[in-house]
N, C-alpha and C. Protein backbone atom coordinates (compact mmCIF):
# COMPACT_ATOMS: atom_id res chain seq x y z
N UNK A 1 11.75 -3.01 -88.94
CA UNK A 1 12.08 -1.59 -89.14
C UNK A 1 12.45 -0.24 -88.43
N UNK A 2 12.81 0.69 -88.24
CA UNK A 2 13.62 1.82 -87.83
C UNK A 2 12.71 2.95 -87.78
N UNK A 3 11.54 3.57 -86.67
CA UNK A 3 11.28 4.27 -87.00
C UNK A 3 11.81 5.81 -86.49
N UNK A 4 11.31 6.88 -87.61
CA UNK A 4 11.69 7.58 -87.30
C UNK A 4 11.74 8.90 -87.10
N UNK A 5 11.77 9.82 -86.75
CA UNK A 5 11.67 11.21 -85.80
C UNK A 5 11.23 12.39 -87.14
N UNK A 6 10.15 12.59 -86.04
CA UNK A 6 9.56 14.25 -87.67
C UNK A 6 10.77 14.94 -87.05
N UNK A 7 11.14 15.87 -88.01
CA UNK A 7 12.23 17.01 -87.63
C UNK A 7 11.55 18.36 -88.38
N UNK A 8 10.16 18.19 -89.28
CA UNK A 8 10.01 19.19 -90.04
C UNK A 8 8.84 19.20 -90.22
N UNK A 9 7.91 19.53 -89.99
CA UNK A 9 6.55 19.69 -90.74
C UNK A 9 5.61 20.32 -90.76
N UNK A 10 4.94 20.36 -92.47
CA UNK A 10 3.74 21.16 -92.41
C UNK A 10 2.22 21.84 -91.98
N UNK A 11 2.35 20.51 -90.89
CA UNK A 11 1.21 20.69 -90.00
C UNK A 11 0.58 21.56 -89.73
N UNK A 12 -0.48 22.37 -89.23
CA UNK A 12 -0.76 23.25 -88.52
C UNK A 12 -1.32 22.73 -87.35
N UNK A 13 -1.70 21.55 -87.23
CA UNK A 13 -1.35 21.22 -85.84
C UNK A 13 -0.33 21.07 -84.80
N UNK A 14 0.87 21.60 -85.66
CA UNK A 14 2.15 21.27 -84.71
C UNK A 14 1.98 22.78 -84.15
N UNK A 15 3.05 22.75 -83.44
CA UNK A 15 4.35 23.84 -82.49
C UNK A 15 4.62 24.76 -84.10
N UNK A 16 4.16 26.15 -83.87
CA UNK A 16 4.93 26.80 -84.63
C UNK A 16 6.18 27.17 -84.73
N UNK A 17 6.96 26.89 -82.83
CA UNK A 17 8.19 27.22 -82.79
C UNK A 17 9.36 26.10 -83.38
N UNK A 18 8.65 25.03 -82.50
CA UNK A 18 9.33 23.75 -82.30
C UNK A 18 8.63 23.09 -83.56
N UNK A 19 7.84 22.87 -83.90
CA UNK A 19 6.49 22.20 -85.92
C UNK A 19 6.52 21.00 -84.63
N UNK A 20 6.04 19.87 -83.37
CA UNK A 20 5.97 19.64 -83.17
C UNK A 20 4.35 19.21 -82.82
N UNK A 21 4.57 17.85 -82.35
CA UNK A 21 2.70 17.72 -82.27
C UNK A 21 3.16 16.38 -80.84
N UNK A 22 3.03 16.05 -79.83
CA UNK A 22 2.46 17.44 -79.11
C UNK A 22 4.16 18.56 -78.41
N UNK A 23 3.99 19.89 -78.11
CA UNK A 23 4.76 20.37 -79.05
C UNK A 23 5.75 20.38 -77.26
N UNK A 24 6.63 20.40 -77.95
CA UNK A 24 8.41 19.90 -77.04
C UNK A 24 8.74 21.64 -76.43
N UNK A 25 8.33 22.78 -76.46
CA UNK A 25 9.28 24.06 -76.13
C UNK A 25 8.78 24.50 -74.57
N UNK A 26 9.95 24.93 -73.70
CA UNK A 26 9.51 25.37 -72.78
C UNK A 26 8.49 25.94 -72.44
N UNK A 27 7.74 25.52 -71.53
CA UNK A 27 6.33 26.76 -70.70
C UNK A 27 6.86 28.24 -70.49
N UNK A 28 5.79 28.95 -71.19
CA UNK A 28 6.73 30.53 -71.52
C UNK A 28 6.79 30.89 -70.34
N UNK A 29 7.40 32.40 -70.20
CA UNK A 29 7.95 32.42 -68.95
C UNK A 29 6.82 33.35 -68.01
N UNK A 30 6.79 33.37 -66.70
CA UNK A 30 5.59 34.09 -66.30
C UNK A 30 6.67 35.46 -65.52
N UNK A 31 7.45 36.05 -66.13
CA UNK A 31 7.77 37.30 -64.87
C UNK A 31 7.35 38.31 -65.87
N UNK A 32 7.70 39.45 -65.49
CA UNK A 32 6.55 41.03 -65.76
C UNK A 32 6.47 40.60 -66.92
N UNK A 33 5.39 41.26 -67.97
CA UNK A 33 5.53 41.38 -69.19
C UNK A 33 6.13 42.31 -69.52
N UNK A 34 6.21 43.04 -70.63
CA UNK A 34 7.63 44.08 -71.35
C UNK A 34 6.47 45.21 -71.59
N UNK A 35 5.60 44.78 -71.97
CA UNK A 35 4.08 45.83 -72.42
C UNK A 35 4.32 46.62 -71.46
N UNK A 36 3.96 48.56 -71.41
CA UNK A 36 4.02 48.98 -70.05
C UNK A 36 5.34 49.60 -69.83
N UNK A 37 6.57 49.45 -69.60
CA UNK A 37 7.67 48.64 -68.51
C UNK A 37 7.83 50.23 -69.83
N UNK A 38 9.09 51.13 -69.35
CA UNK A 38 10.11 52.25 -70.26
C UNK A 38 11.39 51.51 -70.52
N UNK A 39 11.77 51.68 -71.74
CA UNK A 39 12.94 51.06 -71.75
C UNK A 39 13.51 52.55 -72.36
N UNK A 40 15.33 52.59 -72.08
CA UNK A 40 16.23 53.15 -72.84
C UNK A 40 17.06 53.14 -73.23
N UNK A 41 17.56 54.04 -74.29
CA UNK A 41 17.67 53.59 -74.53
C UNK A 41 19.11 54.95 -75.07
N UNK A 42 20.79 54.52 -74.84
CA UNK A 42 21.71 54.85 -75.32
C UNK A 42 23.33 54.56 -76.36
N UNK A 43 24.21 55.23 -76.30
CA UNK A 43 25.13 54.89 -77.65
C UNK A 43 26.15 54.95 -76.91
N UNK A 44 26.95 53.45 -76.74
CA UNK A 44 28.09 54.06 -76.13
C UNK A 44 29.49 53.33 -77.48
N UNK A 45 30.33 53.58 -76.92
CA UNK A 45 31.78 54.00 -77.69
C UNK A 45 33.17 53.01 -76.96
N UNK A 46 32.25 53.81 -75.76
CA UNK A 46 34.07 53.22 -74.62
C UNK A 46 34.38 52.03 -74.57
N UNK A 47 35.07 51.87 -73.86
CA UNK A 47 36.27 50.59 -74.01
C UNK A 47 35.64 49.96 -75.06
N UNK A 48 35.89 50.02 -76.24
CA UNK A 48 35.45 49.14 -77.40
C UNK A 48 36.42 49.19 -78.67
N UNK A 49 37.41 49.84 -78.36
CA UNK A 49 38.50 50.42 -79.45
C UNK A 49 37.09 51.32 -80.34
N UNK A 50 36.40 52.39 -80.07
CA UNK A 50 36.28 53.03 -81.03
C UNK A 50 35.11 52.67 -81.16
N UNK A 51 34.01 51.14 -81.54
CA UNK A 51 33.18 50.26 -81.84
C UNK A 51 31.83 50.83 -81.90
N UNK A 52 31.07 50.92 -82.11
CA UNK A 52 29.60 52.11 -81.03
C UNK A 52 28.87 50.71 -81.76
N UNK A 53 27.76 50.55 -80.10
CA UNK A 53 26.97 49.79 -79.85
C UNK A 53 26.06 50.10 -79.02
N UNK A 54 24.75 50.21 -79.26
CA UNK A 54 23.56 51.00 -79.03
C UNK A 54 23.11 49.44 -77.68
N UNK A 55 22.65 50.58 -76.97
CA UNK A 55 22.52 50.10 -75.13
C UNK A 55 21.10 49.93 -74.80
N UNK A 56 20.85 49.61 -75.21
CA UNK A 56 18.54 49.10 -73.87
C UNK A 56 19.40 48.76 -72.78
N UNK A 57 18.59 49.63 -72.20
CA UNK A 57 18.61 49.42 -70.18
C UNK A 57 17.41 49.27 -70.19
N UNK A 58 17.66 49.21 -68.51
CA UNK A 58 15.94 49.13 -67.46
C UNK A 58 14.74 48.44 -67.81
N UNK A 59 14.81 47.03 -68.23
CA UNK A 59 13.99 46.43 -68.46
C UNK A 59 13.75 45.25 -67.23
N UNK A 60 13.07 45.70 -66.72
CA UNK A 60 12.42 44.32 -65.67
C UNK A 60 11.60 43.35 -65.96
N UNK A 61 12.75 42.26 -66.71
CA UNK A 61 11.80 40.69 -67.15
C UNK A 61 13.07 39.60 -66.62
N UNK A 62 12.49 38.73 -66.83
CA UNK A 62 13.48 37.37 -66.57
C UNK A 62 14.68 37.45 -68.10
N UNK A 63 15.78 35.72 -68.29
CA UNK A 63 16.63 36.09 -69.21
C UNK A 63 15.69 35.45 -70.11
N UNK A 64 15.01 34.49 -70.09
CA UNK A 64 14.65 33.54 -71.18
C UNK A 64 13.80 35.23 -71.72
N UNK A 65 12.79 36.06 -71.81
CA UNK A 65 11.74 37.20 -71.56
C UNK A 65 13.12 38.21 -72.87
N UNK A 66 14.22 38.65 -72.03
CA UNK A 66 14.74 39.67 -72.82
C UNK A 66 15.85 38.72 -74.06
N UNK A 67 16.17 37.61 -73.96
CA UNK A 67 16.88 37.26 -75.33
C UNK A 67 16.51 37.26 -75.86
N UNK A 68 15.07 36.60 -75.13
CA UNK A 68 14.16 36.47 -76.54
C UNK A 68 13.81 38.36 -77.17
N UNK A 69 14.17 39.43 -77.01
CA UNK A 69 13.74 40.52 -77.52
C UNK A 69 14.86 40.98 -77.64
N UNK A 70 16.58 40.34 -77.65
CA UNK A 70 17.45 41.01 -78.73
C UNK A 70 17.47 39.69 -79.45
N UNK A 71 17.01 38.48 -79.69
CA UNK A 71 16.77 37.49 -80.95
C UNK A 71 15.81 39.27 -81.65
N UNK A 72 15.17 39.19 -81.31
CA UNK A 72 13.76 40.17 -82.53
C UNK A 72 14.53 41.45 -82.70
N UNK A 73 15.32 42.48 -81.77
CA UNK A 73 16.24 42.82 -82.38
C UNK A 73 16.99 43.10 -82.97
N UNK A 74 17.39 41.63 -83.20
CA UNK A 74 19.17 41.21 -83.62
C UNK A 74 18.49 41.88 -84.78
N UNK A 75 17.32 41.23 -84.78
CA UNK A 75 16.70 40.33 -86.80
C UNK A 75 16.35 41.55 -87.25
N UNK A 76 15.49 42.53 -86.42
CA UNK A 76 14.87 43.50 -86.87
C UNK A 76 16.38 44.89 -87.49
N UNK A 77 17.81 45.26 -86.25
CA UNK A 77 18.67 45.83 -87.69
C UNK A 77 19.45 44.88 -88.57
N UNK A 78 19.58 44.14 -88.29
CA UNK A 78 20.32 43.27 -89.24
C UNK A 78 21.35 42.34 -88.53
N UNK A 79 22.37 42.82 -87.15
CA UNK A 79 23.09 43.09 -86.48
C UNK A 79 23.21 42.11 -85.68
N UNK A 80 24.72 41.74 -84.99
CA UNK A 80 24.47 41.25 -84.31
C UNK A 80 24.93 41.58 -82.56
N UNK A 81 24.50 40.94 -81.53
CA UNK A 81 24.15 41.72 -80.22
C UNK A 81 24.68 40.40 -79.09
N UNK A 82 23.86 40.75 -77.66
CA UNK A 82 24.56 40.62 -76.88
C UNK A 82 23.82 40.55 -76.04
N UNK A 83 23.62 39.96 -74.81
CA UNK A 83 22.64 40.63 -72.86
C UNK A 83 23.28 40.10 -71.88
N UNK A 84 23.32 41.63 -71.47
CA UNK A 84 24.30 41.88 -70.71
C UNK A 84 23.63 42.26 -69.57
N UNK A 85 24.27 41.92 -68.25
CA UNK A 85 23.55 41.53 -66.73
C UNK A 85 23.28 43.15 -66.33
N UNK A 86 24.10 44.58 -67.54
CA UNK A 86 22.95 45.70 -67.11
C UNK A 86 22.00 46.08 -68.62
N UNK A 87 21.88 45.00 -69.66
CA UNK A 87 21.00 46.05 -70.42
C UNK A 87 21.11 44.66 -71.92
N UNK A 88 20.82 44.77 -72.61
CA UNK A 88 21.31 44.27 -74.12
C UNK A 88 21.80 45.53 -74.99
N UNK A 89 22.93 44.89 -75.67
CA UNK A 89 24.40 45.98 -76.46
C UNK A 89 23.83 45.16 -78.08
N UNK A 90 23.44 46.00 -78.41
CA UNK A 90 23.44 46.15 -80.32
C UNK A 90 24.05 46.88 -80.71
N UNK A 91 25.48 46.16 -81.79
CA UNK A 91 25.76 46.30 -83.11
C UNK A 91 25.91 47.56 -83.78
N UNK A 92 26.20 48.86 -83.40
CA UNK A 92 26.67 49.33 -83.87
C UNK A 92 25.21 50.28 -83.44
N UNK A 93 24.43 51.69 -84.67
CA UNK A 93 23.63 52.53 -84.28
C UNK A 93 22.96 52.33 -84.94
N UNK A 94 22.01 51.86 -84.30
CA UNK A 94 20.94 51.17 -85.24
C UNK A 94 19.56 52.20 -83.95
N UNK A 95 19.20 52.92 -82.89
CA UNK A 95 18.56 53.54 -81.68
C UNK A 95 17.18 54.12 -82.85
N UNK A 96 17.27 54.67 -84.15
CA UNK A 96 16.29 54.38 -85.00
C UNK A 96 15.04 53.18 -84.67
N UNK A 97 16.13 52.60 -85.82
CA UNK A 97 15.14 50.72 -85.56
C UNK A 97 14.56 51.11 -84.19
N UNK A 98 15.42 51.14 -83.21
CA UNK A 98 15.17 49.35 -82.39
C UNK A 98 14.29 50.84 -81.14
N UNK A 99 13.25 51.30 -81.55
CA UNK A 99 12.67 52.50 -80.53
C UNK A 99 11.74 52.13 -81.44
N UNK A 100 11.74 52.22 -82.63
CA UNK A 100 10.44 52.17 -83.30
C UNK A 100 9.68 50.84 -83.35
N UNK A 101 10.57 49.10 -82.89
CA UNK A 101 10.61 48.62 -82.42
C UNK A 101 10.12 47.74 -80.82
N UNK A 102 10.40 49.03 -80.40
CA UNK A 102 10.06 49.14 -79.31
C UNK A 102 8.02 49.14 -78.77
N UNK A 103 8.63 50.71 -79.57
CA UNK A 103 7.21 51.01 -79.12
C UNK A 103 6.27 50.41 -80.04
N UNK A 104 6.23 49.00 -81.28
CA UNK A 104 5.95 48.00 -81.97
C UNK A 104 5.47 47.04 -80.68
N UNK A 105 6.22 46.94 -80.32
CA UNK A 105 5.99 45.74 -78.81
C UNK A 105 5.44 46.41 -77.62
N UNK A 106 5.28 48.08 -77.92
CA UNK A 106 3.60 47.95 -76.94
C UNK A 106 5.45 48.80 -75.19
N UNK A 107 6.54 48.79 -75.33
CA UNK A 107 7.11 49.19 -74.60
C UNK A 107 7.09 51.10 -74.98
N UNK A 108 7.53 51.88 -73.67
CA UNK A 108 7.48 53.16 -73.68
C UNK A 108 9.29 53.20 -74.06
N UNK A 109 9.70 54.08 -75.07
CA UNK A 109 10.99 54.10 -75.09
C UNK A 109 11.81 56.06 -74.08
N UNK A 110 12.75 55.56 -73.63
CA UNK A 110 13.01 56.95 -73.86
C UNK A 110 14.71 57.54 -73.53
N UNK A 111 15.20 57.87 -74.59
CA UNK A 111 16.90 58.10 -75.29
C UNK A 111 17.42 58.92 -74.24
N UNK A 112 18.66 58.47 -74.19
CA UNK A 112 19.50 58.38 -72.66
C UNK A 112 20.89 58.89 -73.44
N UNK A 113 21.28 60.10 -72.35
CA UNK A 113 22.80 60.33 -73.06
C UNK A 113 22.71 61.93 -74.26
N UNK A 114 20.97 61.85 -74.55
CA UNK A 114 22.04 63.58 -75.54
C UNK A 114 21.89 61.96 -76.93
């Protein structure tokens, strides 16, 4: 009889991210924590055919931590985005939502560019 791998379970002993026991998730990053840093937010339209993006920059963290933050911001704003070397880009003007979310994460926030 073939053995099947458990794809999903509601067992409380399982990992909440990968839903497996033992956990198969990669180890947590040991980079600089985001809490306490000052994130800057600006609005950009240039070079995007008139489309507006909100850029979060001035964060010192590893790529995995920034990608997790990007995913959280995308969910909070209900829109798409991408991670660039100079910062995180979220489609549309979501400065207020992003500022509230980052403050909830323990970051300090400054608006740049007016």
